[in-house]
Amino acid sequence: MSSCPRGLGKDVVPPSFRRWLCDTDFIILALKAVILVTALYLMYAESAVVVRDDVINHRPIIGILSQEQSKYFHTKYPENYTSYIAASYVKSVEASGARVVPIMIGRDRDYYRELMSKINGVLFPGGATYFNQSDGFADAGEHIYHIAMGLNDAGSYFPVFGTCLGFELLIILASGRGKVENREKCYSFKNCRLNFTKDFRRSKMYRDAPEYVVDILSSDDVTANAHQFCILDSNMEKYNLKNDWLITSHSKDEDGLAFVASVEHKRYPFYGVQFHPEKVAFEWKASKHYPHSLKAVQANRYFMDFFVEECRRSGHRFPSHSEENRHLIYNYKPEFTGLLGSSYEQCYFFEPRGTV
């Protein structure tokens, strides 16, 4: 039996309780309990992205990653630009209350790190490029992906959203990019409904989605699909991605193959959809049969509204208005590519070859 600390005399507590409280074994046990609780708290803090509650940015700026110019565009534009962004992505971001900065491909890591310190999120768009081209869309995306993880780990909230090709890139990067790409052949060029998973409401993306939006997405064929590859549940299982990513919905391709339609990371504010929310309101090629009903527009509008709201949680800013202005998409003029038969109504083109 150890001696009691001062102040615990018989005139303060009953003798039996005093003996129990002063027992050395009890004190050691109590100290161990404190250490355990502290360790558990630190483990939780280590696994969670820290978010400052006081950060509400009502002037968010989102970077959209450009990608290699396709062979089709090479035949139409003699300037031989190195990269482009479909204007529908820009319009979609702007319609949700944010501005856009184009992110160039073919730059070193310092370029992406510096730019990401001044913007509030990144959108990986869909498209038709490959992931094995040096200094292209995938290489830039890989830099951005890892820098974004580092920012979030350091407590600087930084969301990333991938659409179609951009969503596939997110999953391939999470798998560990290699010669064998973790995606499958999948043919879907139609409008689909979403088959939500039973726990989809646990996700940040759908937790607060209005019931009418969920009803439209699950009952009507309003998501525009245009892809020859997709992510299956087996792709997620092959690389143990279900430990880190939450699958929230599936759709089916023309052959009845069920593919992952939407996901989000469990730790980082990273989100992906296989379909194209931006096409419903802003792409009009008649042969594509994109859904343009009021319900379709309303339901698809939700996704970029959600992402921009996530980006409002980022406190990054350009150091001056003049530098901000130099980076904005307004410095570029969109071309009417629909006039030339493109599936995109308009595109922004960047950097004729030889200028970088």
Protein backbone atom coordinates (compact mmCIF):
# COMPACT_ATOMS: atom_id res chain seq x y z
CA MET A 1 0.00 0.00 0.00
CA SER A 2 1.45 3.41 -1.01
CA SER A 3 1.08 6.57 1.03
CA CYS A 4 -1.85 8.84 0.07
CA PRO A 5 -1.33 12.25 -1.51
CA ARG A 6 -1.87 15.19 0.78
CA GLY A 7 -5.45 16.30 1.21
CA LEU A 8 -6.92 12.79 1.25
CA GLY A 9 -7.08 12.39 5.04
CA LYS A 10 -9.75 10.50 6.92
CA ASP A 11 -11.69 13.72 7.38
CA VAL A 12 -12.08 14.03 3.59
CA VAL A 13 -13.13 10.56 2.38
CA PRO A 14 -14.19 7.31 4.05
CA PRO A 15 -11.29 4.99 5.03
CA SER A 16 -12.33 2.20 2.62
CA PHE A 17 -12.49 4.53 -0.37
CA ARG A 18 -9.24 6.19 0.73
CA ARG A 19 -7.42 2.83 0.78
CA TRP A 20 -8.78 1.95 -2.68
CA LEU A 21 -7.92 5.31 -4.18
CA CYS A 22 -4.42 5.31 -2.78
CA ASP A 23 -3.57 1.82 -3.96
CA THR A 24 -0.51 1.96 -6.24
CA ASP A 25 -2.04 -0.51 -8.68
CA PHE A 26 -5.05 1.74 -9.18
CA ILE A 27 -2.86 4.76 -9.92
CA ILE A 28 -0.85 2.80 -12.48
CA LEU A 29 -4.06 1.52 -14.09
CA ALA A 30 -5.45 5.04 -14.30
CA LEU A 31 -2.27 6.29 -15.95
CA LYS A 32 -2.44 3.47 -18.49
CA ALA A 33 -6.04 4.39 -19.27
CA VAL A 34 -5.05 8.01 -19.89
CA ILE A 35 -2.23 6.90 -22.21
CA LEU A 36 -4.57 4.59 -24.12
CA VAL A 37 -7.22 7.27 -24.61
CA THR A 38 -4.55 9.73 -25.78
CA ALA A 39 -3.14 7.19 -28.25
CA LEU A 40 -6.57 6.46 -29.68
CA TYR A 41 -7.23 10.16 -30.11
CA LEU A 42 -3.92 10.64 -31.93
CA MET A 43 -4.65 7.66 -34.18
CA TYR A 44 -8.01 9.17 -35.12
CA ALA A 45 -6.46 12.57 -35.75
CA GLU A 46 -3.81 10.92 -37.94
CA SER A 47 -6.45 9.20 -40.08
CA ALA A 48 -8.76 12.17 -40.51
CA VAL A 49 -8.41 15.25 -42.65
CA VAL A 50 -8.43 18.27 -40.39
CA VAL A 51 -10.85 20.98 -41.52
CA ARG A 52 -11.05 24.46 -40.10
CA ASP A 53 -14.65 25.34 -39.38
CA ASP A 54 -14.03 29.03 -39.98
CA VAL A 55 -13.02 28.61 -43.66
CA ILE A 56 -15.87 29.64 -45.93
CA ASN A 57 -14.53 30.82 -49.27
CA HIS A 58 -17.21 32.51 -51.36
CA ARG A 59 -14.81 33.15 -54.25
CA PRO A 60 -13.61 29.62 -55.08
CA ILE A 61 -11.32 29.03 -58.05
CA ILE A 62 -11.11 25.52 -59.48
CA GLY A 63 -8.37 24.15 -61.69
CA ILE A 64 -9.42 22.02 -64.67
CA LEU A 65 -6.71 19.75 -66.03
CA SER A 66 -6.17 19.98 -69.78
CA GLN A 67 -5.32 16.94 -71.88
CA GLU A 68 -3.51 16.02 -75.07
CA GLN A 69 -5.09 17.31 -78.26
CA SER A 70 -6.67 14.46 -80.19
CA LYS A 71 -5.72 13.50 -83.74
CA TYR A 72 -9.11 14.80 -84.84
CA PHE A 73 -8.34 18.28 -83.56
CA HIS A 74 -4.87 18.13 -85.11
CA THR A 75 -6.51 17.84 -88.53
CA LYS A 76 -8.81 20.82 -87.87
CA TYR A 77 -6.46 23.32 -86.27
CA PRO A 78 -3.23 24.12 -88.12
CA GLU A 79 -1.77 25.75 -85.00
CA ASN A 80 -1.19 22.23 -83.66
CA TYR A 81 -2.02 23.03 -80.04
CA THR A 82 -0.64 20.77 -77.34
CA SER A 83 -3.77 20.50 -75.16
CA TYR A 84 -7.42 21.46 -74.71
CA ILE A 85 -10.35 21.63 -72.29
CA ALA A 86 -13.95 21.17 -73.38
CA ALA A 87 -15.86 24.37 -72.57
CA SER A 88 -18.74 22.41 -71.04
CA TYR A 89 -16.59 21.71 -67.97
CA VAL A 90 -15.80 25.38 -67.60
CA LYS A 91 -19.46 26.36 -67.93
CA SER A 92 -20.51 23.72 -65.42
CA VAL A 93 -18.07 25.01 -62.80
CA GLU A 94 -19.08 28.61 -63.45
CA ALA A 95 -22.79 27.75 -63.22
CA SER A 96 -22.16 26.48 -59.69
CA GLY A 97 -20.53 29.71 -58.57
CA ALA A 98 -16.81 29.25 -59.12
CA ARG A 99 -14.18 30.46 -61.54
CA VAL A 100 -11.74 28.35 -63.55
CA VAL A 101 -8.00 28.21 -64.00
CA PRO A 102 -6.72 25.88 -66.76
CA ILE A 103 -3.98 23.50 -65.64
CA MET A 104 -1.41 22.71 -68.32
CA ILE A 105 0.08 19.30 -68.97
CA GLY A 106 3.79 18.63 -69.45
CA ARG A 107 5.00 20.67 -66.47
CA ASP A 108 7.21 19.72 -63.55
CA ARG A 109 5.91 18.97 -60.07
CA ASP A 110 6.76 22.43 -58.78
CA TYR A 111 4.33 24.00 -61.27
CA TYR A 112 1.43 21.90 -59.96
CA ARG A 113 2.42 22.36 -56.31
CA GLU A 114 2.61 26.14 -56.62
CA LEU A 115 -0.64 26.45 -58.55
CA MET A 116 -2.50 24.18 -56.14
CA SER A 117 -1.43 26.38 -53.23
CA LYS A 118 -3.52 29.17 -54.79
CA ILE A 119 -6.64 27.38 -56.05
CA ASN A 120 -9.37 25.53 -54.17
CA GLY A 121 -9.77 22.21 -55.96
CA VAL A 122 -9.10 20.32 -59.20
CA LEU A 123 -11.42 18.75 -61.75
CA PHE A 124 -10.13 15.84 -63.85
CA PRO A 125 -12.37 15.95 -66.96
CA GLY A 126 -13.42 13.18 -69.29
CA GLY A 127 -11.91 12.77 -72.73
CA ALA A 128 -10.26 10.37 -75.11
CA THR A 129 -6.56 10.37 -74.27
CA TYR A 130 -4.37 7.51 -73.10
CA PHE A 131 -2.60 7.13 -69.79
CA ASN A 132 0.75 5.95 -71.17
CA GLN A 133 1.80 9.16 -72.93
CA SER A 134 4.78 10.90 -71.38
CA ASP A 135 4.17 14.36 -69.87
CA GLY A 136 0.46 14.10 -70.59
CA PHE A 137 -2.87 13.99 -68.75
CA ALA A 138 -1.96 10.99 -66.58
CA ASP A 139 1.46 12.29 -65.54
CA ALA A 140 -0.01 15.66 -64.57
CA GLY A 141 -2.87 13.91 -62.79
CA GLU A 142 -0.42 11.80 -60.81
CA HIS A 143 1.40 14.91 -59.58
CA ILE A 144 -1.90 16.54 -58.62
CA TYR A 145 -3.22 13.43 -56.88
CA HIS A 146 -0.21 13.08 -54.58
CA ILE A 147 0.11 16.81 -53.91
CA ALA A 148 -3.60 16.90 -53.00
CA MET A 149 -3.12 14.05 -50.52
CA GLY A 150 -0.22 15.93 -48.94
CA LEU A 151 -2.24 19.13 -48.65
CA ASN A 152 -5.12 17.32 -46.95
CA ASP A 153 -2.76 15.46 -44.63
CA ALA A 154 -1.34 18.83 -43.59
CA GLY A 155 -4.83 20.11 -42.74
CA SER A 156 -5.37 22.14 -45.93
CA TYR A 157 -8.71 20.99 -47.36
CA PHE A 158 -8.31 20.32 -51.08
CA PRO A 159 -11.01 18.46 -53.08
CA VAL A 160 -10.53 16.58 -56.37
CA PHE A 161 -13.35 15.47 -58.67
CA GLY A 162 -12.98 13.08 -61.62
CA THR A 163 -15.47 12.65 -64.47
CA CYS A 164 -15.40 9.60 -66.79
CA LEU A 165 -11.75 9.42 -67.94
CA GLY A 166 -10.83 11.55 -64.94
CA PHE A 167 -12.65 9.16 -62.61
CA GLU A 168 -10.82 6.19 -64.16
CA LEU A 169 -7.54 8.03 -63.68
CA LEU A 170 -8.30 8.53 -59.98
CA ILE A 171 -8.83 4.80 -59.48
CA ILE A 172 -5.77 3.84 -61.52
CA LEU A 173 -3.62 6.24 -59.49
CA ALA A 174 -5.05 4.80 -56.28
CA SER A 175 -4.19 1.32 -57.58
CA GLY A 176 -0.58 2.26 -58.21
CA ARG A 177 -0.04 3.27 -61.81
CA GLY A 178 1.70 0.59 -63.85
CA LYS A 179 1.86 -1.04 -67.26
CA VAL A 180 -1.37 -2.93 -66.59
CA GLU A 181 -4.18 -0.42 -66.08
CA ASN A 182 -6.72 -1.30 -63.42
CA ARG A 183 -9.83 -0.84 -65.59
CA GLU A 184 -11.83 -2.97 -68.00
CA LYS A 185 -13.28 -2.72 -71.48
CA CYS A 186 -16.83 -1.50 -71.24
CA TYR A 187 -19.10 -0.08 -73.93
CA SER A 188 -21.65 2.48 -72.78
CA PHE A 189 -22.85 5.32 -74.99
CA LYS A 190 -26.35 5.69 -73.64
CA ASN A 191 -28.17 7.40 -70.84
CA CYS A 192 -28.44 5.40 -67.63
CA ARG A 193 -30.04 5.48 -64.21
CA LEU A 194 -28.06 5.00 -61.02
CA ASN A 195 -28.47 1.89 -58.91
CA PHE A 196 -27.51 3.22 -55.50
CA THR A 197 -25.77 0.99 -52.97
CA LYS A 198 -27.59 0.33 -49.72
CA ASP A 199 -25.28 2.63 -47.75
CA PHE A 200 -24.98 5.45 -50.31
CA ARG A 201 -26.45 7.93 -47.83
CA ARG A 202 -23.34 7.44 -45.69
CA SER A 203 -21.32 9.24 -48.34
CA LYS A 204 -20.54 12.94 -48.29
CA MET A 205 -21.62 13.23 -51.92
CA TYR A 206 -25.15 11.93 -51.32
CA ARG A 207 -25.67 12.50 -47.61
CA ASP A 208 -27.52 15.77 -48.13
CA ALA A 209 -28.73 15.22 -51.70
CA PRO A 210 -32.38 16.29 -52.00
CA GLU A 211 -34.79 13.40 -52.21
CA TYR A 212 -36.11 14.55 -55.58
CA VAL A 213 -32.57 14.44 -57.02
CA VAL A 214 -32.05 10.90 -55.75
CA ASP A 215 -35.47 9.87 -57.13
CA ILE A 216 -34.67 11.22 -60.60
CA LEU A 217 -31.22 9.63 -60.71
CA SER A 218 -32.51 6.24 -59.58
CA SER A 219 -35.73 6.19 -61.64
CA ASP A 220 -34.87 7.88 -64.94
CA ASP A 221 -32.14 7.41 -67.54
CA VAL A 222 -30.60 10.84 -67.04
CA THR A 223 -26.84 10.22 -66.66
CA ALA A 224 -24.97 10.63 -69.94
CA ASN A 225 -22.40 7.88 -70.54
CA ALA A 226 -19.71 7.90 -73.21
CA HIS A 227 -16.93 5.45 -72.37
CA GLN A 228 -15.12 2.39 -73.70
CA PHE A 229 -13.51 1.56 -70.36
CA CYS A 230 -14.94 1.36 -66.87
CA ILE A 231 -14.21 0.38 -63.29
CA LEU A 232 -15.83 -2.82 -62.02
CA ASP A 233 -16.23 -4.04 -58.46
CA SER A 234 -13.52 -6.58 -59.29
CA ASN A 235 -11.10 -3.73 -60.08
CA MET A 236 -11.78 -2.26 -56.67
CA GLU A 237 -11.33 -5.63 -54.97
CA LYS A 238 -8.17 -6.56 -56.90
CA TYR A 239 -6.21 -3.71 -55.30
CA ASN A 240 -8.08 -3.65 -51.97
CA LEU A 241 -9.49 -0.24 -52.88
CA LYS A 242 -12.71 -0.85 -50.98
CA ASN A 243 -10.72 -0.23 -47.80
CA ASP A 244 -10.24 3.39 -48.85
CA TRP A 245 -13.04 4.08 -51.36
CA LEU A 246 -16.79 3.91 -50.91
CA ILE A 247 -18.78 2.73 -53.93
CA THR A 248 -22.09 4.60 -53.95
CA SER A 249 -23.78 3.56 -57.22
CA HIS A 250 -23.61 1.35 -60.31
CA SER A 251 -24.98 1.50 -63.85
CA LYS A 252 -25.08 -1.08 -66.67
CA ASP A 253 -23.51 -0.90 -70.12
CA GLU A 254 -25.11 -2.05 -73.38
CA ASP A 255 -24.20 -5.68 -72.61
CA GLY A 256 -25.65 -5.61 -69.11
CA LEU A 257 -22.25 -5.32 -67.40
CA ALA A 258 -22.57 -3.52 -64.05
CA PHE A 259 -19.89 -0.86 -63.64
CA VAL A 260 -19.11 1.55 -60.82
CA ALA A 261 -20.93 4.83 -61.49
CA SER A 262 -19.88 6.91 -58.49
CA VAL A 263 -17.35 6.67 -55.66
CA GLU A 264 -15.65 8.76 -53.02
CA HIS A 265 -12.56 8.37 -50.88
CA LYS A 266 -13.20 7.59 -47.22
CA ARG A 267 -10.43 9.86 -45.94
CA TYR A 268 -9.74 12.50 -48.58
CA PRO A 269 -12.28 14.75 -50.34
CA PHE A 270 -11.79 12.89 -53.63
CA TYR A 271 -14.86 12.05 -55.73
CA GLY A 272 -15.52 10.36 -59.05
CA VAL A 273 -18.39 9.67 -61.45
CA GLN A 274 -18.23 7.55 -64.60
CA PHE A 275 -20.93 9.61 -66.33
CA HIS A 276 -20.91 13.20 -67.63
CA PRO A 277 -22.99 15.69 -65.61
CA GLU A 278 -21.66 18.59 -67.70
CA LYS A 279 -23.02 17.26 -71.03
CA VAL A 280 -26.66 17.40 -70.02
CA ALA A 281 -26.81 21.20 -69.94
CA PHE A 282 -23.97 22.17 -72.26
CA GLU A 283 -23.41 19.63 -75.08
CA TRP A 284 -25.92 19.51 -77.94
CA LYS A 285 -24.75 17.16 -80.71
CA ALA A 286 -28.03 15.57 -81.85
CA SER A 287 -26.58 12.13 -82.62
CA LYS A 288 -25.42 11.73 -79.00
CA HIS A 289 -28.97 11.88 -77.57
CA TYR A 290 -27.91 13.45 -74.30
CA PRO A 291 -30.86 13.99 -71.93
CA HIS A 292 -31.97 17.63 -71.81
CA SER A 293 -35.21 17.48 -69.85
CA LEU A 294 -35.71 19.76 -66.88
CA LYS A 295 -35.44 16.78 -64.53
CA ALA A 296 -32.20 15.66 -66.17
CA VAL A 297 -30.67 19.12 -65.90
CA GLN A 298 -31.74 19.50 -62.28
CA ALA A 299 -30.38 16.11 -61.23
CA ASN A 300 -27.03 16.49 -63.01
CA ARG A 301 -26.61 20.04 -61.75
CA TYR A 302 -26.30 18.59 -58.26
CA PHE A 303 -22.85 17.08 -58.80
CA MET A 304 -20.95 20.24 -59.64
CA ASP A 305 -22.93 22.19 -57.05
CA PHE A 306 -21.71 19.65 -54.50
CA PHE A 307 -18.11 19.82 -55.68
CA VAL A 308 -17.96 23.62 -55.73
CA GLU A 309 -19.43 23.68 -52.22
CA GLU A 310 -16.61 21.35 -51.16
CA CYS A 311 -14.11 23.75 -52.73
CA ARG A 312 -15.55 26.61 -50.68
CA ARG A 313 -13.98 24.86 -47.68
CA SER A 314 -10.52 25.58 -49.06
CA GLY A 315 -8.87 28.81 -47.92
CA HIS A 316 -6.24 28.99 -50.68
CA ARG A 317 -5.96 32.31 -52.51
CA PHE A 318 -3.79 34.01 -55.06
CA PRO A 319 -1.57 36.63 -53.40
CA SER A 320 -2.93 39.39 -55.64
CA HIS A 321 -5.80 40.11 -58.02
CA SER A 322 -3.36 40.73 -60.84
CA GLU A 323 -1.81 37.27 -60.51
CA GLU A 324 -5.26 35.74 -60.19
CA ASN A 325 -6.36 37.46 -63.38
CA ARG A 326 -3.33 36.21 -65.30
CA HIS A 327 -4.31 32.59 -64.58
CA LEU A 328 -8.07 32.67 -65.19
CA ILE A 329 -9.70 30.96 -68.19
CA TYR A 330 -10.98 34.36 -69.35
CA ASN A 331 -7.56 34.90 -70.95
CA TYR A 332 -8.46 32.29 -73.59
CA LYS A 333 -11.08 32.26 -76.31
CA PRO A 334 -13.23 29.13 -76.83
CA GLU A 335 -13.52 27.80 -80.38
CA PHE A 336 -16.85 26.68 -81.88
CA THR A 337 -15.74 23.08 -82.47
CA GLY A 338 -19.29 21.82 -82.91
CA LEU A 339 -19.26 23.59 -86.25
CA LEU A 340 -16.55 21.16 -87.37
CA GLY A 341 -18.47 18.07 -86.29
CA SER A 342 -16.96 17.63 -82.85
CA SER A 343 -19.02 16.13 -80.04
CA TYR A 344 -17.95 19.20 -78.02
CA GLU A 345 -19.79 22.43 -78.83
CA GLN A 346 -16.79 24.52 -77.77
CA CYS A 347 -13.18 23.93 -76.69
CA TYR A 348 -10.33 25.95 -75.25
CA PHE A 349 -6.95 25.23 -76.85
CA PHE A 350 -3.59 25.85 -75.22
CA GLU A 351 0.03 26.37 -76.17
CA PRO A 352 0.89 25.79 -79.83
CA ARG A 353 3.80 23.37 -80.02
CA GLY A 354 7.18 24.99 -79.69
CA THR A 355 6.01 27.68 -77.26
CA VAL A 356 6.66 25.74 -74.04
